[in-house]
Amino acid sequence: TAMYYCAANVHYNVINLEVATFGYWGQGTQVT
């Protein structure tokens, strides 16, 4: 259960799960 967000990196093909890696974000969709 959480708010789920889509994120994107437009500069590099970086494969990790670090928030700072991604500069663009969606508004979120709630999953309960």
PDB file of all heavy atoms in Angstrom:
ATOM      1  N   THR A   1       0.834  -1.196   0.000  1.00  0.00           N
ATOM      2  CA  THR A   1       0.000   0.000   0.000  1.00  0.00           C
ATOM      3  C   THR A   1       0.870   1.248   0.000  1.00  0.00           C
ATOM      4  O   THR A   1       1.723   1.426   0.869  1.00  0.00           O
ATOM      5  CB  THR A   1      -0.930   0.015   1.216  1.00  0.00           C
ATOM      6  OG1 THR A   1      -1.846  -1.079   1.122  1.00  0.00           O
ATOM      7  CG2 THR A   1      -1.711   1.315   1.287  1.00  0.00           C
ATOM      8  N   ALA A   2       0.672   2.115  -0.990  1.00  0.00           N
ATOM      9  CA  ALA A   2       1.484   3.320  -1.130  1.00  0.00           C
ATOM     10  C   ALA A   2       0.987   4.125  -2.317  1.00  0.00           C
ATOM     11  O   ALA A   2       0.183   3.652  -3.124  1.00  0.00           O
ATOM     12  CB  ALA A   2       2.960   2.968  -1.328  1.00  0.00           C
ATOM     13  N   MET A   3       1.493   5.345  -2.425  1.00  0.00           N
ATOM     14  CA  MET A   3       1.341   6.110  -3.639  1.00  0.00           C
ATOM     15  C   MET A   3       2.466   5.699  -4.579  1.00  0.00           C
ATOM     16  O   MET A   3       3.642   5.717  -4.184  1.00  0.00           O
ATOM     17  CB  MET A   3       1.406   7.608  -3.350  1.00  0.00           C
ATOM     18  CG  MET A   3       1.151   8.485  -4.566  1.00  0.00           C
ATOM     19  SD  MET A   3      -0.593   8.507  -5.073  1.00  0.00           S
ATOM     20  CE  MET A   3      -1.292   9.528  -3.774  1.00  0.00           C
ATOM     21  N   TYR A   4       2.124   5.324  -5.792  1.00  0.00           N
ATOM     22  CA  TYR A   4       3.105   4.863  -6.764  1.00  0.00           C
ATOM     23  C   TYR A   4       3.366   5.950  -7.795  1.00  0.00           C
ATOM     24  O   TYR A   4       2.429   6.526  -8.351  1.00  0.00           O
ATOM     25  CB  TYR A   4       2.619   3.592  -7.453  1.00  0.00           C
ATOM     26  CG  TYR A   4       2.775   2.369  -6.592  1.00  0.00           C
ATOM     27  CD1 TYR A   4       1.974   2.183  -5.472  1.00  0.00           C
ATOM     28  CD2 TYR A   4       3.741   1.407  -6.888  1.00  0.00           C
ATOM     29  CE1 TYR A   4       2.131   1.075  -4.660  1.00  0.00           C
ATOM     30  CE2 TYR A   4       3.896   0.295  -6.089  1.00  0.00           C
ATOM     31  CZ  TYR A   4       3.090   0.132  -4.974  1.00  0.00           C
ATOM     32  OH  TYR A   4       3.248  -0.975  -4.182  1.00  0.00           O
ATOM     33  N   TYR A   5       4.648   6.211  -8.056  1.00  0.00           N
ATOM     34  CA  TYR A   5       5.059   7.280  -8.947  1.00  0.00           C
ATOM     35  C   TYR A   5       5.865   6.753 -10.123  1.00  0.00           C
ATOM     36  O   TYR A   5       6.714   5.870  -9.965  1.00  0.00           O
ATOM     37  CB  TYR A   5       5.931   8.300  -8.205  1.00  0.00           C
ATOM     38  CG  TYR A   5       5.232   9.020  -7.083  1.00  0.00           C
ATOM     39  CD1 TYR A   5       5.274   8.524  -5.789  1.00  0.00           C
ATOM     40  CD2 TYR A   5       4.536  10.199  -7.326  1.00  0.00           C
ATOM     41  CE1 TYR A   5       4.644   9.177  -4.749  1.00  0.00           C
ATOM     42  CE2 TYR A   5       3.903  10.862  -6.291  1.00  0.00           C
ATOM     43  CZ  TYR A   5       3.961  10.348  -5.006  1.00  0.00           C
ATOM     44  OH  TYR A   5       3.335  11.009  -3.980  1.00  0.00           O
ATOM     45  N   CYS A   6       5.621   7.315 -11.271  1.00  0.00           N
ATOM     46  CA  CYS A   6       6.421   7.083 -12.460  1.00  0.00           C
ATOM     47  C   CYS A   6       7.544   8.112 -12.501  1.00  0.00           C
ATOM     48  O   CYS A   6       7.327   9.286 -12.195  1.00  0.00           O
ATOM     49  CB  CYS A   6       5.533   7.204 -13.698  1.00  0.00           C
ATOM     50  SG  CYS A   6       6.379   7.090 -15.281  1.00  0.00           S
ATOM     51  N   ALA A   7       8.749   7.685 -12.878  1.00  0.00           N
ATOM     52  CA  ALA A   7       9.897   8.581 -12.943  1.00  0.00           C
ATOM     53  C   ALA A   7      10.709   8.310 -14.203  1.00  0.00           C
ATOM     54  O   ALA A   7      10.680   7.204 -14.742  1.00  0.00           O
ATOM     55  CB  ALA A   7      10.778   8.406 -11.704  1.00  0.00           C
ATOM     56  N   ALA A   8      11.463   9.323 -14.652  1.00  0.00           N
ATOM     57  CA  ALA A   8      12.238   9.188 -15.876  1.00  0.00           C
ATOM     58  C   ALA A   8      13.575   9.899 -15.769  1.00  0.00           C
ATOM     59  O   ALA A   8      13.700  10.931 -15.103  1.00  0.00           O
ATOM     60  CB  ALA A   8      11.455   9.742 -17.065  1.00  0.00           C
ATOM     61  N   ASN A   9      14.571   9.324 -16.434  1.00  0.00           N
ATOM     62  CA  ASN A   9      15.876   9.933 -16.630  1.00  0.00           C
ATOM     63  C   ASN A   9      16.024  10.159 -18.128  1.00  0.00           C
ATOM     64  O   ASN A   9      15.953   9.204 -18.904  1.00  0.00           O
ATOM     65  CB  ASN A   9      16.982   9.022 -16.089  1.00  0.00           C
ATOM     66  CG  ASN A   9      18.362   9.644 -16.184  1.00  0.00           C
ATOM     67  OD1 ASN A   9      18.750  10.198 -17.216  1.00  0.00           O
ATOM     68  ND2 ASN A   9      19.124   9.544 -15.104  1.00  0.00           N
ATOM     69  N   VAL A  10      16.236  11.395 -18.535  1.00  0.00           N
ATOM     70  CA  VAL A  10      16.314  11.717 -19.959  1.00  0.00           C
ATOM     71  C   VAL A  10      17.748  11.904 -20.435  1.00  0.00           C
ATOM     72  O   VAL A  10      17.962  12.201 -21.607  1.00  0.00           O
ATOM     73  CB  VAL A  10      15.502  12.981 -20.285  1.00  0.00           C
ATOM     74  CG1 VAL A  10      14.054  12.797 -19.868  1.00  0.00           C
ATOM     75  CG2 VAL A  10      16.108  14.216 -19.627  1.00  0.00           C
ATOM     76  N   HIS A  11      18.735  11.736 -19.557  1.00  0.00           N
ATOM     77  CA  HIS A  11      20.123  12.003 -19.903  1.00  0.00           C
ATOM     78  C   HIS A  11      20.974  10.761 -20.069  1.00  0.00           C
ATOM     79  O   HIS A  11      21.798  10.697 -20.973  1.00  0.00           O
ATOM     80  CB  HIS A  11      20.767  12.908 -18.846  1.00  0.00           C
ATOM     81  CG  HIS A  11      20.088  14.223 -18.701  1.00  0.00           C
ATOM     82  ND1 HIS A  11      20.115  15.177 -19.694  1.00  0.00           N
ATOM     83  CD2 HIS A  11      19.357  14.750 -17.684  1.00  0.00           C
ATOM     84  CE1 HIS A  11      19.437  16.237 -19.297  1.00  0.00           C
ATOM     85  NE2 HIS A  11      18.966  15.999 -18.081  1.00  0.00           N
ATOM     86  N   TYR A  12      20.790   9.768 -19.212  1.00  0.00           N
ATOM     87  CA  TYR A  12      21.644   8.593 -19.204  1.00  0.00           C
ATOM     88  C   TYR A  12      20.832   7.324 -19.054  1.00  0.00           C
ATOM     89  O   TYR A  12      19.731   7.330 -18.483  1.00  0.00           O
ATOM     90  CB  TYR A  12      22.670   8.671 -18.067  1.00  0.00           C
ATOM     91  CG  TYR A  12      23.518   9.917 -18.106  1.00  0.00           C
ATOM     92  CD1 TYR A  12      23.270  10.967 -17.241  1.00  0.00           C
ATOM     93  CD2 TYR A  12      24.566  10.020 -19.015  1.00  0.00           C
ATOM     94  CE1 TYR A  12      24.047  12.113 -17.276  1.00  0.00           C
ATOM     95  CE2 TYR A  12      25.343  11.169 -19.058  1.00  0.00           C
ATOM     96  CZ  TYR A  12      25.080  12.208 -18.186  1.00  0.00           C
ATOM     97  OH  TYR A  12      25.849  13.339 -18.229  1.00  0.00           O
ATOM     98  N   ASN A  13      21.411   6.240 -19.548  1.00  0.00           N
ATOM     99  CA  ASN A  13      20.813   4.919 -19.391  1.00  0.00           C
ATOM    100  C   ASN A  13      21.304   4.335 -18.066  1.00  0.00           C
ATOM    101  O   ASN A  13      22.182   3.480 -18.027  1.00  0.00           O
ATOM    102  CB  ASN A  13      21.188   4.016 -20.569  1.00  0.00           C
ATOM    103  CG  ASN A  13      20.571   2.645 -20.462  1.00  0.00           C
ATOM    104  OD1 ASN A  13      19.459   2.485 -19.970  1.00  0.00           O
ATOM    105  ND2 ASN A  13      21.291   1.638 -20.941  1.00  0.00           N
ATOM    106  N   VAL A  14      20.729   4.822 -16.983  1.00  0.00           N
ATOM    107  CA  VAL A  14      21.148   4.445 -15.643  1.00  0.00           C
ATOM    108  C   VAL A  14      20.146   3.465 -15.049  1.00  0.00           C
ATOM    109  O   VAL A  14      18.951   3.765 -14.975  1.00  0.00           O
ATOM    110  CB  VAL A  14      21.276   5.675 -14.731  1.00  0.00           C
ATOM    111  CG1 VAL A  14      21.686   5.255 -13.331  1.00  0.00           C
ATOM    112  CG2 VAL A  14      22.300   6.646 -15.310  1.00  0.00           C
ATOM    113  N   ILE A  15      20.651   2.320 -14.625  1.00  0.00           N
ATOM    114  CA  ILE A  15      19.799   1.297 -14.036  1.00  0.00           C
ATOM    115  C   ILE A  15      20.062   1.247 -12.534  1.00  0.00           C
ATOM    116  O   ILE A  15      21.003   0.609 -12.065  1.00  0.00           O
ATOM    117  CB  ILE A  15      20.039  -0.081 -14.661  1.00  0.00           C
ATOM    118  CG1 ILE A  15      19.840  -0.027 -16.176  1.00  0.00           C
ATOM    119  CG2 ILE A  15      19.111  -1.119 -14.032  1.00  0.00           C
ATOM    120  CD1 ILE A  15      18.423   0.341 -16.584  1.00  0.00           C
ATOM    121  N   ASN A  16      19.244   1.936 -11.782  1.00  0.00           N
ATOM    122  CA  ASN A  16      19.274   1.868 -10.333  1.00  0.00           C
ATOM    123  C   ASN A  16      17.931   2.334  -9.797  1.00  0.00           C
ATOM    124  O   ASN A  16      17.046   2.735 -10.564  1.00  0.00           O
ATOM    125  CB  ASN A  16      20.435   2.683  -9.731  1.00  0.00           C
ATOM    126  CG  ASN A  16      20.337   4.178 -10.000  1.00  0.00           C
ATOM    127  OD1 ASN A  16      19.263   4.775  -9.917  1.00  0.00           O
ATOM    128  ND2 ASN A  16      21.471   4.793 -10.313  1.00  0.00           N
ATOM    129  N   LEU A  17      17.770   2.267  -8.472  1.00  0.00           N
ATOM    130  CA  LEU A  17      16.515   2.643  -7.836  1.00  0.00           C
ATOM    131  C   LEU A  17      16.730   3.785  -6.847  1.00  0.00           C
ATOM    132  O   LEU A  17      16.127   3.813  -5.772  1.00  0.00           O
ATOM    133  CB  LEU A  17      15.902   1.424  -7.136  1.00  0.00           C
ATOM    134  CG  LEU A  17      15.400   0.334  -8.088  1.00  0.00           C
ATOM    135  CD1 LEU A  17      15.010  -0.920  -7.329  1.00  0.00           C
ATOM    136  CD2 LEU A  17      14.220   0.848  -8.902  1.00  0.00           C
ATOM    137  N   GLU A  18      17.564   4.731  -7.244  1.00  0.00           N
ATOM    138  CA  GLU A  18      17.840   5.894  -6.416  1.00  0.00           C
ATOM    139  C   GLU A  18      16.975   7.065  -6.862  1.00  0.00           C
ATOM    140  O   GLU A  18      16.937   7.406  -8.047  1.00  0.00           O
ATOM    141  CB  GLU A  18      19.318   6.277  -6.501  1.00  0.00           C
ATOM    142  CG  GLU A  18      20.271   5.198  -6.017  1.00  0.00           C
ATOM    143  CD  GLU A  18      20.102   4.910  -4.546  1.00  0.00           C
ATOM    144  OE1 GLU A  18      19.794   5.853  -3.786  1.00  0.00           O
ATOM    145  OE2 GLU A  18      20.274   3.742  -4.158  1.00  0.00           O
ATOM    146  N   VAL A  19      16.323   7.704  -5.917  1.00  0.00           N
ATOM    147  CA  VAL A  19      15.440   8.829  -6.220  1.00  0.00           C
ATOM    148  C   VAL A  19      16.172   9.928  -6.971  1.00  0.00           C
ATOM    149  O   VAL A  19      15.647  10.506  -7.927  1.00  0.00           O
ATOM    150  CB  VAL A  19      14.812   9.384  -4.925  1.00  0.00           C
ATOM    151  CG1 VAL A  19      14.089  10.693  -5.203  1.00  0.00           C
ATOM    152  CG2 VAL A  19      13.858   8.365  -4.321  1.00  0.00           C
ATOM    153  N   ALA A  20      17.417  10.217  -6.566  1.00  0.00           N
ATOM    154  CA  ALA A  20      18.170  11.325  -7.148  1.00  0.00           C
ATOM    155  C   ALA A  20      18.512  11.102  -8.608  1.00  0.00           C
ATOM    156  O   ALA A  20      18.863  12.056  -9.310  1.00  0.00           O
ATOM    157  CB  ALA A  20      19.442  11.557  -6.340  1.00  0.00           C
ATOM    158  N   THR A  21      18.449   9.880  -9.069  1.00  0.00           N
ATOM    159  CA  THR A  21      18.764   9.567 -10.459  1.00  0.00           C
ATOM    160  C   THR A  21      17.716  10.105 -11.419  1.00  0.00           C
ATOM    161  O   THR A  21      18.026  10.404 -12.577  1.00  0.00           O
ATOM    162  CB  THR A  21      18.902   8.044 -10.640  1.00  0.00           C
ATOM    163  OG1 THR A  21      20.011   7.579  -9.863  1.00  0.00           O
ATOM    164  CG2 THR A  21      19.138   7.677 -12.100  1.00  0.00           C
ATOM    165  N   PHE A  22      16.503  10.261 -10.946  1.00  0.00           N
ATOM    166  CA  PHE A  22      15.380  10.569 -11.818  1.00  0.00           C
ATOM    167  C   PHE A  22      14.908  12.001 -11.618  1.00  0.00           C
ATOM    168  O   PHE A  22      14.508  12.387 -10.517  1.00  0.00           O
ATOM    169  CB  PHE A  22      14.248   9.566 -11.579  1.00  0.00           C
ATOM    170  CG  PHE A  22      14.679   8.157 -11.850  1.00  0.00           C
ATOM    171  CD1 PHE A  22      15.219   7.378 -10.843  1.00  0.00           C
ATOM    172  CD2 PHE A  22      14.575   7.629 -13.123  1.00  0.00           C
ATOM    173  CE1 PHE A  22      15.646   6.089 -11.096  1.00  0.00           C
ATOM    174  CE2 PHE A  22      14.999   6.341 -13.393  1.00  0.00           C
ATOM    175  CZ  PHE A  22      15.541   5.569 -12.374  1.00  0.00           C
ATOM    176  N   GLY A  23      14.938  12.763 -12.689  1.00  0.00           N
ATOM    177  CA  GLY A  23      14.618  14.177 -12.602  1.00  0.00           C
ATOM    178  C   GLY A  23      13.190  14.542 -12.946  1.00  0.00           C
ATOM    179  O   GLY A  23      12.778  15.681 -12.736  1.00  0.00           O
ATOM    180  N   TYR A  24      12.431  13.582 -13.464  1.00  0.00           N
ATOM    181  CA  TYR A  24      11.058  13.848 -13.869  1.00  0.00           C
ATOM    182  C   TYR A  24      10.126  12.848 -13.219  1.00  0.00           C
ATOM    183  O   TYR A  24      10.417  11.652 -13.175  1.00  0.00           O
ATOM    184  CB  TYR A  24      10.933  13.796 -15.394  1.00  0.00           C
ATOM    185  CG  TYR A  24      11.797  14.825 -16.079  1.00  0.00           C
ATOM    186  CD1 TYR A  24      13.101  14.517 -16.452  1.00  0.00           C
ATOM    187  CD2 TYR A  24      11.316  16.103 -16.334  1.00  0.00           C
ATOM    188  CE1 TYR A  24      13.904  15.466 -17.064  1.00  0.00           C
ATOM    189  CE2 TYR A  24      12.111  17.052 -16.943  1.00  0.00           C
ATOM    190  CZ  TYR A  24      13.407  16.723 -17.307  1.00  0.00           C
ATOM    191  OH  TYR A  24      14.208  17.669 -17.919  1.00  0.00           O
ATOM    192  N   TRP A  25       8.995  13.352 -12.741  1.00  0.00           N
ATOM    193  CA  TRP A  25       8.064  12.539 -11.967  1.00  0.00           C
ATOM    194  C   TRP A  25       6.620  12.794 -12.373  1.00  0.00           C
ATOM    195  O   TRP A  25       6.251  13.908 -12.746  1.00  0.00           O
ATOM    196  CB  TRP A  25       8.207  12.847 -10.474  1.00  0.00           C
ATOM    197  CG  TRP A  25       9.566  12.540  -9.949  1.00  0.00           C
ATOM    198  CD1 TRP A  25      10.669  13.338 -10.007  1.00  0.00           C
ATOM    199  CD2 TRP A  25       9.969  11.341  -9.288  1.00  0.00           C
ATOM    200  NE1 TRP A  25      11.742  12.705  -9.424  1.00  0.00           N
ATOM    201  CE2 TRP A  25      11.336  11.484  -8.973  1.00  0.00           C
ATOM    202  CE3 TRP A  25       9.305  10.179  -8.932  1.00  0.00           C
ATOM    203  CZ2 TRP A  25      12.055  10.490  -8.313  1.00  0.00           C
ATOM    204  CZ3 TRP A  25      10.015   9.185  -8.276  1.00  0.00           C
ATOM    205  CH2 TRP A  25      11.378   9.350  -7.973  1.00  0.00           C
ATOM    206  N   GLY A  26       5.810  11.751 -12.281  1.00  0.00           N
ATOM    207  CA  GLY A  26       4.380  11.899 -12.466  1.00  0.00           C
ATOM    208  C   GLY A  26       3.710  12.324 -11.182  1.00  0.00           C
ATOM    209  O   GLY A  26       4.355  12.554 -10.154  1.00  0.00           O
ATOM    210  N   GLN A  27       2.389  12.426 -11.219  1.00  0.00           N
ATOM    211  CA  GLN A  27       1.636  12.917 -10.067  1.00  0.00           C
ATOM    212  C   GLN A  27       1.321  11.831  -9.047  1.00  0.00           C
ATOM    213  O   GLN A  27       0.936  12.141  -7.921  1.00  0.00           O
ATOM    214  CB  GLN A  27       0.329  13.564 -10.540  1.00  0.00           C
ATOM    215  CG  GLN A  27      -0.816  12.604 -10.829  1.00  0.00           C
ATOM    216  CD  GLN A  27      -0.613  11.766 -12.079  1.00  0.00           C
ATOM    217  OE1 GLN A  27       0.235  12.063 -12.917  1.00  0.00           O
ATOM    218  NE2 GLN A  27      -1.409  10.698 -12.210  1.00  0.00           N
ATOM    219  N   GLY A  28       1.468  10.576  -9.426  1.00  0.00           N
ATOM    220  CA  GLY A  28       1.222   9.466  -8.527  1.00  0.00           C
ATOM    221  C   GLY A  28      -0.155   8.857  -8.688  1.00  0.00           C
ATOM    222  O   GLY A  28      -1.109   9.517  -9.085  1.00  0.00           O
ATOM    223  N   THR A  29      -0.256   7.569  -8.376  1.00  0.00           N
ATOM    224  CA  THR A  29      -1.528   6.863  -8.346  1.00  0.00           C
ATOM    225  C   THR A  29      -1.552   5.971  -7.113  1.00  0.00           C
ATOM    226  O   THR A  29      -0.582   5.279  -6.814  1.00  0.00           O
ATOM    227  CB  THR A  29      -1.748   6.048  -9.641  1.00  0.00           C
ATOM    228  OG1 THR A  29      -3.047   5.452  -9.633  1.00  0.00           O
ATOM    229  CG2 THR A  29      -0.688   4.965  -9.811  1.00  0.00           C
ATOM    230  N   GLN A  30      -2.653   5.999  -6.380  1.00  0.00           N
ATOM    231  CA  GLN A  30      -2.734   5.319  -5.090  1.00  0.00           C
ATOM    232  C   GLN A  30      -3.058   3.840  -5.253  1.00  0.00           C
ATOM    233  O   GLN A  30      -3.983   3.469  -5.983  1.00  0.00           O
ATOM    234  CB  GLN A  30      -3.797   5.988  -4.209  1.00  0.00           C
ATOM    235  CG  GLN A  30      -3.982   5.332  -2.845  1.00  0.00           C
ATOM    236  CD  GLN A  30      -2.783   5.511  -1.948  1.00  0.00           C
ATOM    237  OE1 GLN A  30      -2.166   6.580  -1.931  1.00  0.00           O
ATOM    238  NE2 GLN A  30      -2.430   4.467  -1.205  1.00  0.00           N
ATOM    239  N   VAL A  31      -2.317   3.009  -4.538  1.00  0.00           N
ATOM    240  CA  VAL A  31      -2.579   1.575  -4.462  1.00  0.00           C
ATOM    241  C   VAL A  31      -2.849   1.223  -3.009  1.00  0.00           C
ATOM    242  O   VAL A  31      -2.028   1.506  -2.133  1.00  0.00           O
ATOM    243  CB  VAL A  31      -1.400   0.747  -4.993  1.00  0.00           C
ATOM    244  CG1 VAL A  31      -1.615  -0.743  -4.716  1.00  0.00           C
ATOM    245  CG2 VAL A  31      -1.211   0.991  -6.481  1.00  0.00           C
ATOM    246  N   THR A  32      -3.996   0.610  -2.752  1.00  0.00           N
ATOM    247  CA  THR A  32      -4.365   0.212  -1.402  1.00  0.00           C
ATOM    248  C   THR A  32      -4.703  -1.275  -1.398  1.00  0.00           C
ATOM    249  O   THR A  32      -5.542  -1.725  -2.177  1.00  0.00           O
ATOM    250  CB  THR A  32      -5.567   1.019  -0.893  1.00  0.00           C
ATOM    251  OG1 THR A  32      -5.254   2.414  -0.923  1.00  0.00           O
ATOM    252  CG2 THR A  32      -5.922   0.612   0.526  1.00  0.00           C
TER     253      THR A  32
END
